[in-house]
Every structure is written in structure tokens, then in C-alpha cells.
Amino acid sequence: MPSNHTDTTNRPDLKKISVAEYFSLPVNELPEIIDLRGLEAPEPMEKILLACAQMGPDDYYLSHLPHVPAPLFPILATRGLDWQVFEQEDESALVLIRRSS
């Protein structure tokens, strides 16, 4: 089964590309970035899973985390969700989640 995790080894510099462009979304469709970097585990994962449970078929959830949340990805997959990760230079990560099409 192919991974839903976006390869970011050749990621573009954030200064050269907007978040909307990176995730291939029109700027007006980019969801609010939910900053979860200041929370203690497991609160970021709990907030993400709760938000995803409430998502409609065309909704997106975009969070900013202190690191790539690898343990979250198998859970998202079992719930029929796709994701993309945009790793930042400071090793934080923007994670965009949507329902599988």
C-alpha cells in the first residue's frame, strides 16, 4: 500500500513558496493553521483526531506541530484520511489532513 506521507527530502524553502502552493490549494481554500506546538503529548494527537472525526467530505485540517507526527499516520489511514507533511527548517511540521477520495 503506498504511503500517504509526502516526501519532503527536496522540499521547497518556505520563503519561496506559500503554504497554499505547497499543498496545491487555492489560497481562499486553505484552512486556518492550528498551532499545536506548545501542547504536551498526547494533547496534539487528541485534538487532531477529534477535529478529523468532525470533518466533512470536502474539509481540510491543517496543523503546525513541533515535529513530524509519525505515530499519527497509521491511525489516520485506518480512519480513511489522507495527509501531506511540509517539514520546516526548524524540524516542525505542517500537516494537512483530508478525507480520502
PDB file of N, CA and C in Angstrom:
ATOM      1  N   MET A   1       0.853  -1.177   0.000  1.00  0.00           N
ATOM      2  CA  MET A   1       0.000   0.000   0.000  1.00  0.00           C
ATOM      3  C   MET A   1       0.896   1.236   0.000  1.00  0.00           C
ATOM      4  N   PRO A   2       0.664   2.207  -0.892  1.00  0.00           N
ATOM      5  CA  PRO A   2       1.511   3.382  -0.942  1.00  0.00           C
ATOM      6  C   PRO A   2       1.339   4.240   0.307  1.00  0.00           C
ATOM      7  N   SER A   3       2.401   4.908   0.673  1.00  0.00           N
ATOM      8  CA  SER A   3       2.373   5.781   1.835  1.00  0.00           C
ATOM      9  C   SER A   3       1.647   7.072   1.499  1.00  0.00           C
ATOM     10  N   ASN A   4       0.916   7.594   2.455  1.00  0.00           N
ATOM     11  CA  ASN A   4       0.248   8.876   2.293  1.00  0.00           C
ATOM     12  C   ASN A   4       1.161  10.017   2.712  1.00  0.00           C
ATOM     13  N   HIS A   5       2.334   9.707   3.208  1.00  0.00           N
ATOM     14  CA  HIS A   5       3.264  10.709   3.705  1.00  0.00           C
ATOM     15  C   HIS A   5       4.021  11.314   2.532  1.00  0.00           C
ATOM     16  N   THR A   6       3.939  12.605   2.399  1.00  0.00           N
ATOM     17  CA  THR A   6       4.600  13.295   1.314  1.00  0.00           C
ATOM     18  C   THR A   6       6.104  13.312   1.543  1.00  0.00           C
ATOM     19  N   ASP A   7       6.871  12.970   0.519  1.00  0.00           N
ATOM     20  CA  ASP A   7       8.326  13.018   0.601  1.00  0.00           C
ATOM     21  C   ASP A   7       8.758  14.478   0.603  1.00  0.00           C
ATOM     22  N   THR A   8       9.506  14.862   1.624  1.00  0.00           N
ATOM     23  CA  THR A   8       9.929  16.258   1.732  1.00  0.00           C
ATOM     24  C   THR A   8      11.439  16.397   1.676  1.00  0.00           C
ATOM     25  N   THR A   9      12.136  15.387   1.159  1.00  0.00           N
ATOM     26  CA  THR A   9      13.594  15.468   1.108  1.00  0.00           C
ATOM     27  C   THR A   9      14.062  16.610   0.211  1.00  0.00           C
ATOM     28  N   ASN A  10      13.311  16.923  -0.810  1.00  0.00           N
ATOM     29  CA  ASN A  10      13.640  18.052  -1.680  1.00  0.00           C
ATOM     30  C   ASN A  10      12.610  19.153  -1.509  1.00  0.00           C
ATOM     31  N   ARG A  11      12.225  19.382  -0.267  1.00  0.00           N
ATOM     32  CA  ARG A  11      11.166  20.358  -0.010  1.00  0.00           C
ATOM     33  C   ARG A  11      11.591  21.764  -0.404  1.00  0.00           C
ATOM     34  N   PRO A  12      10.642  22.539  -0.892  1.00  0.00           N
ATOM     35  CA  PRO A  12      10.960  23.916  -1.255  1.00  0.00           C
ATOM     36  C   PRO A  12      11.136  24.763   0.004  1.00  0.00           C
ATOM     37  N   ASP A  13      11.924  25.801  -0.096  1.00  0.00           N
ATOM     38  CA  ASP A  13      12.108  26.731   1.006  1.00  0.00           C
ATOM     39  C   ASP A  13      10.804  27.502   1.198  1.00  0.00           C
ATOM     40  N   LEU A  14      10.364  27.632   2.455  1.00  0.00           N
ATOM     41  CA  LEU A  14       9.107  28.311   2.758  1.00  0.00           C
ATOM     42  C   LEU A  14       9.121  29.743   2.244  1.00  0.00           C
ATOM     43  N   LYS A  15      10.288  30.370   2.144  1.00  0.00           N
ATOM     44  CA  LYS A  15      10.372  31.739   1.645  1.00  0.00           C
ATOM     45  C   LYS A  15      10.034  31.811   0.162  1.00  0.00           C
ATOM     46  N   LYS A  16      10.169  30.730  -0.542  1.00  0.00           N
ATOM     47  CA  LYS A  16       9.949  30.726  -1.992  1.00  0.00           C
ATOM     48  C   LYS A  16       8.551  30.266  -2.383  1.00  0.00           C
ATOM     49  N   ILE A  17       7.849  29.672  -1.461  1.00  0.00           N
ATOM     50  CA  ILE A  17       6.541  29.109  -1.817  1.00  0.00           C
ATOM     51  C   ILE A  17       5.592  29.266  -0.639  1.00  0.00           C
ATOM     52  N   SER A  18       4.371  29.576  -0.907  1.00  0.00           N
ATOM     53  CA  SER A  18       3.402  29.705   0.177  1.00  0.00           C
ATOM     54  C   SER A  18       2.887  28.333   0.582  1.00  0.00           C
ATOM     55  N   VAL A  19       2.333  28.275   1.746  1.00  0.00           N
ATOM     56  CA  VAL A  19       1.757  27.019   2.230  1.00  0.00           C
ATOM     57  C   VAL A  19       0.667  26.546   1.273  1.00  0.00           C
ATOM     58  N   ALA A  20      -0.143  27.448   0.791  1.00  0.00           N
ATOM     59  CA  ALA A  20      -1.216  27.071  -0.143  1.00  0.00           C
ATOM     60  C   ALA A  20      -0.643  26.454  -1.406  1.00  0.00           C
ATOM     61  N   GLU A  21       0.405  27.035  -1.936  1.00  0.00           N
ATOM     62  CA  GLU A  21       1.019  26.483  -3.133  1.00  0.00           C
ATOM     63  C   GLU A  21       1.617  25.112  -2.854  1.00  0.00           C
ATOM     64  N   TYR A  22       2.267  24.963  -1.707  1.00  0.00           N
ATOM     65  CA  TYR A  22       2.881  23.680  -1.374  1.00  0.00           C
ATOM     66  C   TYR A  22       1.828  22.573  -1.338  1.00  0.00           C
ATOM     67  N   PHE A  23       0.677  22.860  -0.736  1.00  0.00           N
ATOM     68  CA  PHE A  23      -0.377  21.863  -0.627  1.00  0.00           C
ATOM     69  C   PHE A  23      -1.314  21.867  -1.836  1.00  0.00           C
ATOM     70  N   SER A  24      -0.992  22.626  -2.863  1.00  0.00           N
ATOM     71  CA  SER A  24      -1.784  22.704  -4.105  1.00  0.00           C
ATOM     72  C   SER A  24      -3.240  23.086  -3.844  1.00  0.00           C
ATOM     73  N   LEU A  25      -3.428  24.077  -3.006  1.00  0.00           N
ATOM     74  CA  LEU A  25      -4.764  24.580  -2.699  1.00  0.00           C
ATOM     75  C   LEU A  25      -4.844  26.051  -3.051  1.00  0.00           C
ATOM     76  N   PRO A  26      -5.997  26.495  -3.551  1.00  0.00           N
ATOM     77  CA  PRO A  26      -6.176  27.934  -3.709  1.00  0.00           C
ATOM     78  C   PRO A  26      -6.092  28.601  -2.333  1.00  0.00           C
ATOM     79  N   VAL A  27      -5.538  29.783  -2.291  1.00  0.00           N
ATOM     80  CA  VAL A  27      -5.350  30.476  -1.015  1.00  0.00           C
ATOM     81  C   VAL A  27      -6.671  30.601  -0.260  1.00  0.00           C
ATOM     82  N   ASN A  28      -7.772  30.849  -0.968  1.00  0.00           N
ATOM     83  CA  ASN A  28      -9.062  31.008  -0.300  1.00  0.00           C
ATOM     84  C   ASN A  28      -9.622  29.691   0.242  1.00  0.00           C
ATOM     85  N   GLU A  29      -9.029  28.550  -0.118  1.00  0.00           N
ATOM     86  CA  GLU A  29      -9.471  27.260   0.405  1.00  0.00           C
ATOM     87  C   GLU A  29      -8.547  26.719   1.495  1.00  0.00           C
ATOM     88  N   LEU A  30      -7.457  27.416   1.755  1.00  0.00           N
ATOM     89  CA  LEU A  30      -6.518  26.967   2.772  1.00  0.00           C
ATOM     90  C   LEU A  30      -7.158  27.135   4.148  1.00  0.00           C
ATOM     91  N   PRO A  31      -7.242  26.051   4.919  1.00  0.00           N
ATOM     92  CA  PRO A  31      -7.850  26.175   6.245  1.00  0.00           C
ATOM     93  C   PRO A  31      -6.928  26.940   7.189  1.00  0.00           C
ATOM     94  N   GLU A  32      -7.502  27.399   8.276  1.00  0.00           N
ATOM     95  CA  GLU A  32      -6.714  28.050   9.316  1.00  0.00           C
ATOM     96  C   GLU A  32      -5.651  27.075   9.821  1.00  0.00           C
ATOM     97  N   ILE A  33      -4.454  27.567  10.066  1.00  0.00           N
ATOM     98  CA  ILE A  33      -3.395  26.724  10.621  1.00  0.00           C
ATOM     99  C   ILE A  33      -3.574  26.676  12.133  1.00  0.00           C
ATOM    100  N   ILE A  34      -3.816  25.473  12.651  1.00  0.00           N
ATOM    101  CA  ILE A  34      -3.992  25.275  14.085  1.00  0.00           C
ATOM    102  C   ILE A  34      -2.615  24.988  14.683  1.00  0.00           C
ATOM    103  N   ASP A  35      -2.131  25.889  15.515  1.00  0.00           N
ATOM    104  CA  ASP A  35      -0.795  25.756  16.093  1.00  0.00           C
ATOM    105  C   ASP A  35      -0.859  24.892  17.349  1.00  0.00           C
ATOM    106  N   LEU A  36      -0.306  23.688  17.249  1.00  0.00           N
ATOM    107  CA  LEU A  36      -0.312  22.734  18.361  1.00  0.00           C
ATOM    108  C   LEU A  36       1.083  22.547  18.960  1.00  0.00           C
ATOM    109  N   ARG A  37       2.016  23.399  18.586  1.00  0.00           N
ATOM    110  CA  ARG A  37       3.402  23.217  19.017  1.00  0.00           C
ATOM    111  C   ARG A  37       3.614  23.380  20.512  1.00  0.00           C
ATOM    112  N   GLY A  38       2.797  24.135  21.195  1.00  0.00           N
ATOM    113  CA  GLY A  38       3.008  24.379  22.616  1.00  0.00           C
ATOM    114  C   GLY A  38       2.341  23.377  23.542  1.00  0.00           C
ATOM    115  N   LEU A  39       1.682  22.377  22.992  1.00  0.00           N
ATOM    116  CA  LEU A  39       0.937  21.421  23.809  1.00  0.00           C
ATOM    117  C   LEU A  39       1.783  20.201  24.162  1.00  0.00           C
ATOM    118  N   GLU A  40       1.502  19.639  25.325  1.00  0.00           N
ATOM    119  CA  GLU A  40       2.172  18.411  25.756  1.00  0.00           C
ATOM    120  C   GLU A  40       1.453  17.202  25.164  1.00  0.00           C
ATOM    121  N   ALA A  41       2.217  16.169  24.837  1.00  0.00           N
ATOM    122  CA  ALA A  41       1.625  14.908  24.355  1.00  0.00           C
ATOM    123  C   ALA A  41       0.770  14.317  25.473  1.00  0.00           C
ATOM    124  N   PRO A  42      -0.335  13.719  25.133  1.00  0.00           N
ATOM    125  CA  PRO A  42      -0.875  13.387  23.812  1.00  0.00           C
ATOM    126  C   PRO A  42      -1.886  14.408  23.293  1.00  0.00           C
ATOM    127  N   GLU A  43      -1.928  15.601  23.875  1.00  0.00           N
ATOM    128  CA  GLU A  43      -2.958  16.570  23.512  1.00  0.00           C
ATOM    129  C   GLU A  43      -2.996  16.930  22.024  1.00  0.00           C
ATOM    130  N   PRO A  44      -1.850  17.138  21.345  1.00  0.00           N
ATOM    131  CA  PRO A  44      -1.956  17.440  19.905  1.00  0.00           C
ATOM    132  C   PRO A  44      -2.643  16.328  19.116  1.00  0.00           C
ATOM    133  N   MET A  45      -2.285  15.078  19.396  1.00  0.00           N
ATOM    134  CA  MET A  45      -2.907  13.963  18.677  1.00  0.00           C
ATOM    135  C   MET A  45      -4.402  13.893  18.996  1.00  0.00           C
ATOM    136  N   GLU A  46      -4.764  14.100  20.248  1.00  0.00           N
ATOM    137  CA  GLU A  46      -6.178  14.064  20.619  1.00  0.00           C
ATOM    138  C   GLU A  46      -6.962  15.158  19.891  1.00  0.00           C
ATOM    139  N   LYS A  47      -6.402  16.369  19.830  1.00  0.00           N
ATOM    140  CA  LYS A  47      -7.084  17.470  19.147  1.00  0.00           C
ATOM    141  C   LYS A  47      -7.234  17.183  17.653  1.00  0.00           C
ATOM    142  N   ILE A  48      -6.190  16.639  17.050  1.00  0.00           N
ATOM    143  CA  ILE A  48      -6.248  16.307  15.620  1.00  0.00           C
ATOM    144  C   ILE A  48      -7.310  15.252  15.354  1.00  0.00           C
ATOM    145  N   LEU A  49      -7.321  14.188  16.142  1.00  0.00           N
ATOM    146  CA  LEU A  49      -8.284  13.105  15.923  1.00  0.00           C
ATOM    147  C   LEU A  49      -9.719  13.568  16.162  1.00  0.00           C
ATOM    148  N   LEU A  50      -9.928  14.426  17.151  1.00  0.00           N
ATOM    149  CA  LEU A  50     -11.268  14.962  17.403  1.00  0.00           C
ATOM    150  C   LEU A  50     -11.723  15.823  16.226  1.00  0.00           C
ATOM    151  N   ALA A  51     -10.850  16.686  15.743  1.00  0.00           N
ATOM    152  CA  ALA A  51     -11.202  17.539  14.600  1.00  0.00           C
ATOM    153  C   ALA A  51     -11.480  16.703  13.364  1.00  0.00           C
ATOM    154  N   CYS A  52     -10.681  15.678  13.137  1.00  0.00           N
ATOM    155  CA  CYS A  52     -10.874  14.828  11.960  1.00  0.00           C
ATOM    156  C   CYS A  52     -12.179  14.055  12.027  1.00  0.00           C
ATOM    157  N   ALA A  53     -12.602  13.676  13.213  1.00  0.00           N
ATOM    158  CA  ALA A  53     -13.867  12.958  13.377  1.00  0.00           C
ATOM    159  C   ALA A  53     -15.052  13.836  12.986  1.00  0.00           C
ATOM    160  N   GLN A  54     -14.862  15.142  13.028  1.00  0.00           N
ATOM    161  CA  GLN A  54     -15.943  16.084  12.717  1.00  0.00           C
ATOM    162  C   GLN A  54     -15.859  16.638  11.299  1.00  0.00           C
ATOM    163  N   MET A  55     -14.870  16.217  10.529  1.00  0.00           N
ATOM    164  CA  MET A  55     -14.665  16.740   9.183  1.00  0.00           C
ATOM    165  C   MET A  55     -15.699  16.202   8.204  1.00  0.00           C
ATOM    166  N   GLY A  56     -16.135  17.090   7.322  1.00  0.00           N
ATOM    167  CA  GLY A  56     -16.993  16.675   6.229  1.00  0.00           C
ATOM    168  C   GLY A  56     -16.144  16.169   5.069  1.00  0.00           C
ATOM    169  N   PRO A  57     -16.786  15.691   4.011  1.00  0.00           N
ATOM    170  CA  PRO A  57     -16.042  15.100   2.890  1.00  0.00           C
ATOM    171  C   PRO A  57     -15.118  16.071   2.163  1.00  0.00           C
ATOM    172  N   ASP A  58     -15.412  17.353   2.186  1.00  0.00           N
ATOM    173  CA  ASP A  58     -14.590  18.331   1.473  1.00  0.00           C
ATOM    174  C   ASP A  58     -13.758  19.208   2.410  1.00  0.00           C
ATOM    175  N   ASP A  59     -13.712  18.849   3.690  1.00  0.00           N
ATOM    176  CA  ASP A  59     -12.983  19.646   4.669  1.00  0.00           C
ATOM    177  C   ASP A  59     -11.512  19.267   4.721  1.00  0.00           C
ATOM    178  N   TYR A  60     -10.716  20.216   5.191  1.00  0.00           N
ATOM    179  CA  TYR A  60      -9.297  20.020   5.425  1.00  0.00           C
ATOM    180  C   TYR A  60      -9.000  20.422   6.862  1.00  0.00           C
ATOM    181  N   TYR A  61      -7.971  19.833   7.430  1.00  0.00           N
ATOM    182  CA  TYR A  61      -7.490  20.237   8.752  1.00  0.00           C
ATOM    183  C   TYR A  61      -5.991  20.452   8.624  1.00  0.00           C
ATOM    184  N   LEU A  62      -5.518  21.625   9.020  1.00  0.00           N
ATOM    185  CA  LEU A  62      -4.115  21.974   8.880  1.00  0.00           C
ATOM    186  C   LEU A  62      -3.555  22.346  10.241  1.00  0.00           C
ATOM    187  N   SER A  63      -2.561  21.596  10.683  1.00  0.00           N
ATOM    188  CA  SER A  63      -1.965  21.866  11.987  1.00  0.00           C
ATOM    189  C   SER A  63      -0.467  22.077  11.864  1.00  0.00           C
ATOM    190  N   HIS A  64       0.064  22.835  12.826  1.00  0.00           N
ATOM    191  CA  HIS A  64       1.507  23.067  12.930  1.00  0.00           C
ATOM    192  C   HIS A  64       1.967  22.359  14.197  1.00  0.00           C
ATOM    193  N   LEU A  65       2.869  21.401  14.021  1.00  0.00           N
ATOM    194  CA  LEU A  65       3.334  20.555  15.120  1.00  0.00           C
ATOM    195  C   LEU A  65       4.834  20.725  15.314  1.00  0.00           C
ATOM    196  N   PRO A  66       5.346  20.389  16.506  1.00  0.00           N
ATOM    197  CA  PRO A  66       6.778  20.571  16.764  1.00  0.00           C
ATOM    198  C   PRO A  66       7.668  19.615  15.982  1.00  0.00           C
ATOM    199  N   HIS A  67       7.085  18.548  15.437  1.00  0.00           N
ATOM    200  CA  HIS A  67       7.844  17.542  14.678  1.00  0.00           C
ATOM    201  C   HIS A  67       6.871  16.743  13.819  1.00  0.00           C
ATOM    202  N   VAL A  68       7.386  15.936  12.936  1.00  0.00           N
ATOM    203  CA  VAL A  68       6.535  15.067  12.112  1.00  0.00           C
ATOM    204  C   VAL A  68       5.886  14.030  13.039  1.00  0.00           C
ATOM    205  N   PRO A  69       4.557  13.962  13.060  1.00  0.00           N
ATOM    206  CA  PRO A  69       3.853  13.065  13.983  1.00  0.00           C
ATOM    207  C   PRO A  69       3.683  11.645  13.427  1.00  0.00           C
ATOM    208  N   ALA A  70       4.771  10.945  13.237  1.00  0.00           N
ATOM    209  CA  ALA A  70       4.738   9.610  12.616  1.00  0.00           C
ATOM    210  C   ALA A  70       3.747   8.646  13.273  1.00  0.00           C
ATOM    211  N   PRO A  71       3.600   8.617  14.604  1.00  0.00           N
ATOM    212  CA  PRO A  71       2.628   7.681  15.198  1.00  0.00           C
ATOM    213  C   PRO A  71       1.175   7.977  14.814  1.00  0.00           C
ATOM    214  N   LEU A  72       0.910   9.187  14.357  1.00  0.00           N
ATOM    215  CA  LEU A  72      -0.451   9.564  13.966  1.00  0.00           C
ATOM    216  C   LEU A  72      -0.867   8.952  12.634  1.00  0.00           C
ATOM    217  N   PHE A  73       0.076   8.739  11.737  1.00  0.00           N
ATOM    218  CA  PHE A  73      -0.256   8.348  10.368  1.00  0.00           C
ATOM    219  C   PHE A  73      -0.996   7.014  10.250  1.00  0.00           C
ATOM    220  N   PRO A  74      -0.621   5.955  10.962  1.00  0.00           N
ATOM    221  CA  PRO A  74      -1.401   4.714  10.863  1.00  0.00           C
ATOM    222  C   PRO A  74      -2.846   4.888  11.351  1.00  0.00           C
ATOM    223  N   ILE A  75      -3.039   5.741  12.342  1.00  0.00           N
ATOM    224  CA  ILE A  75      -4.396   5.997  12.849  1.00  0.00           C
ATOM    225  C   ILE A  75      -5.216   6.714  11.782  1.00  0.00           C
ATOM    226  N   LEU A  76      -4.607   7.713  11.145  1.00  0.00           N
ATOM    227  CA  LEU A  76      -5.313   8.429  10.078  1.00  0.00           C
ATOM    228  C   LEU A  76      -5.692   7.474   8.943  1.00  0.00           C
ATOM    229  N   ALA A  77      -4.764   6.596   8.587  1.00  0.00           N
ATOM    230  CA  ALA A  77      -5.030   5.645   7.494  1.00  0.00           C
ATOM    231  C   ALA A  77      -6.218   4.743   7.814  1.00  0.00           C
ATOM    232  N   THR A  78      -6.302   4.256   9.047  1.00  0.00           N
ATOM    233  CA  THR A  78      -7.421   3.376   9.410  1.00  0.00           C
ATOM    234  C   THR A  78      -8.756   4.115   9.421  1.00  0.00           C
ATOM    235  N   ARG A  79      -8.701   5.435   9.516  1.00  0.00           N
ATOM    236  CA  ARG A  79      -9.922   6.250   9.522  1.00  0.00           C
ATOM    237  C   ARG A  79     -10.261   6.819   8.145  1.00  0.00           C
ATOM    238  N   GLY A  80      -9.554   6.352   7.123  1.00  0.00           N
ATOM    239  CA  GLY A  80      -9.857   6.792   5.762  1.00  0.00           C
ATOM    240  C   GLY A  80      -9.427   8.211   5.463  1.00  0.00           C
ATOM    241  N   LEU A  81      -8.336   8.645   6.073  1.00  0.00           N
ATOM    242  CA  LEU A  81      -7.853  10.003   5.880  1.00  0.00           C
ATOM    243  C   LEU A  81      -6.507   9.995   5.160  1.00  0.00           C
ATOM    244  N   ASP A  82      -6.303  11.002   4.336  1.00  0.00           N
ATOM    245  CA  ASP A  82      -5.026  11.223   3.660  1.00  0.00           C
ATOM    246  C   ASP A  82      -4.352  12.414   4.324  1.00  0.00           C
ATOM    247  N   TRP A  83      -3.045  12.505   4.166  1.00  0.00           N
ATOM    248  CA  TRP A  83      -2.309  13.620   4.753  1.00  0.00           C
ATOM    249  C   TRP A  83      -1.110  13.965   3.895  1.00  0.00           C
ATOM    250  N   GLN A  84      -0.668  15.182   4.084  1.00  0.00           N
ATOM    251  CA  GLN A  84       0.574  15.671   3.488  1.00  0.00           C
ATOM    252  C   GLN A  84       1.339  16.365   4.603  1.00  0.00           C
ATOM    253  N   VAL A  85       2.650  16.266   4.543  1.00  0.00           N
ATOM    254  CA  VAL A  85       3.506  16.876   5.554  1.00  0.00           C
ATOM    255  C   VAL A  85       4.458  17.841   4.869  1.00  0.00           C
ATOM    256  N   PHE A  86       4.561  19.036   5.414  1.00  0.00           N
ATOM    257  CA  PHE A  86       5.506  20.034   4.943  1.00  0.00           C
ATOM    258  C   PHE A  86       6.459  20.314   6.105  1.00  0.00           C
ATOM    259  N   GLU A  87       7.623  19.653   6.079  1.00  0.00           N
ATOM    260  CA  GLU A  87       8.598  19.834   7.149  1.00  0.00           C
ATOM    261  C   GLU A  87       9.259  21.203   7.012  1.00  0.00           C
ATOM    262  N   GLN A  88       9.449  21.842   8.154  1.00  0.00           N
ATOM    263  CA  GLN A  88      10.045  23.163   8.186  1.00  0.00           C
ATOM    264  C   GLN A  88      11.525  23.071   8.573  1.00  0.00           C
ATOM    265  N   GLU A  89      12.270  24.135   8.319  1.00  0.00           N
ATOM    266  CA  GLU A  89      13.692  24.143   8.636  1.00  0.00           C
ATOM    267  C   GLU A  89      13.962  23.922  10.119  1.00  0.00           C
ATOM    268  N   ASP A  90      13.044  24.341  10.991  1.00  0.00           N
ATOM    269  CA  ASP A  90      13.234  24.172  12.436  1.00  0.00           C
ATOM    270  C   ASP A  90      12.783  22.785  12.922  1.00  0.00           C
ATOM    271  N   GLU A  91      12.516  21.867  11.982  1.00  0.00           N
ATOM    272  CA  GLU A  91      12.072  20.499  12.222  1.00  0.00           C
ATOM    273  C   GLU A  91      10.620  20.401  12.682  1.00  0.00           C
ATOM    274  N   SER A  92       9.917  21.536  12.726  1.00  0.00           N
ATOM    275  CA  SER A  92       8.478  21.467  12.958  1.00  0.00           C
ATOM    276  C   SER A  92       7.836  21.009  11.654  1.00  0.00           C
ATOM    277  N   ALA A  93       6.525  20.772  11.692  1.00  0.00           N
ATOM    278  CA  ALA A  93       5.848  20.257  10.505  1.00  0.00           C
ATOM    279  C   ALA A  93       4.441  20.822  10.393  1.00  0.00           C
ATOM    280  N   LEU A  94       4.075  21.176   9.171  1.00  0.00           N
ATOM    281  CA  LEU A  94       2.693  21.490   8.845  1.00  0.00           C
ATOM    282  C   LEU A  94       2.082  20.217   8.303  1.00  0.00           C
ATOM    283  N   VAL A  95       0.932  19.814   8.855  1.00  0.00           N
ATOM    284  CA  VAL A  95       0.278  18.582   8.433  1.00  0.00           C
ATOM    285  C   VAL A  95      -1.124  18.927   7.951  1.00  0.00           C
ATOM    286  N   LEU A  96      -1.395  18.611   6.696  1.00  0.00           N
ATOM    287  CA  LEU A  96      -2.710  18.827   6.101  1.00  0.00           C
ATOM    288  C   LEU A  96      -3.406  17.487   6.006  1.00  0.00           C
ATOM    289  N   ILE A  97      -4.612  17.403   6.546  1.00  0.00           N
ATOM    290  CA  ILE A  97      -5.381  16.152   6.575  1.00  0.00           C
ATOM    291  C   ILE A  97      -6.698  16.383   5.852  1.00  0.00           C
ATOM    292  N   ARG A  98      -7.109  15.371   5.078  1.00  0.00           N
ATOM    293  CA  ARG A  98      -8.392  15.410   4.365  1.00  0.00           C
ATOM    294  C   ARG A  98      -8.922  13.985   4.216  1.00  0.00           C
ATOM    295  N   ARG A  99     -10.201  13.875   3.928  1.00  0.00           N
ATOM    296  CA  ARG A  99     -10.801  12.551   3.681  1.00  0.00           C
ATOM    297  C   ARG A  99     -10.243  11.977   2.382  1.00  0.00           C
ATOM    298  N   SER A 100     -10.042  10.680   2.361  1.00  0.00           N
ATOM    299  CA  SER A 100      -9.604  10.007   1.127  1.00  0.00           C
ATOM    300  C   SER A 100     -10.678  10.151   0.080  1.00  0.00           C
ATOM    301  N   SER A 101     -10.257  10.319  -1.166  1.00  0.00           N
ATOM    302  CA  SER A 101     -11.263  10.458  -2.234  1.00  0.00           C
ATOM    303  C   SER A 101     -11.499   9.158  -2.941  1.00  0.00           C
TER     304      SER A 101
END
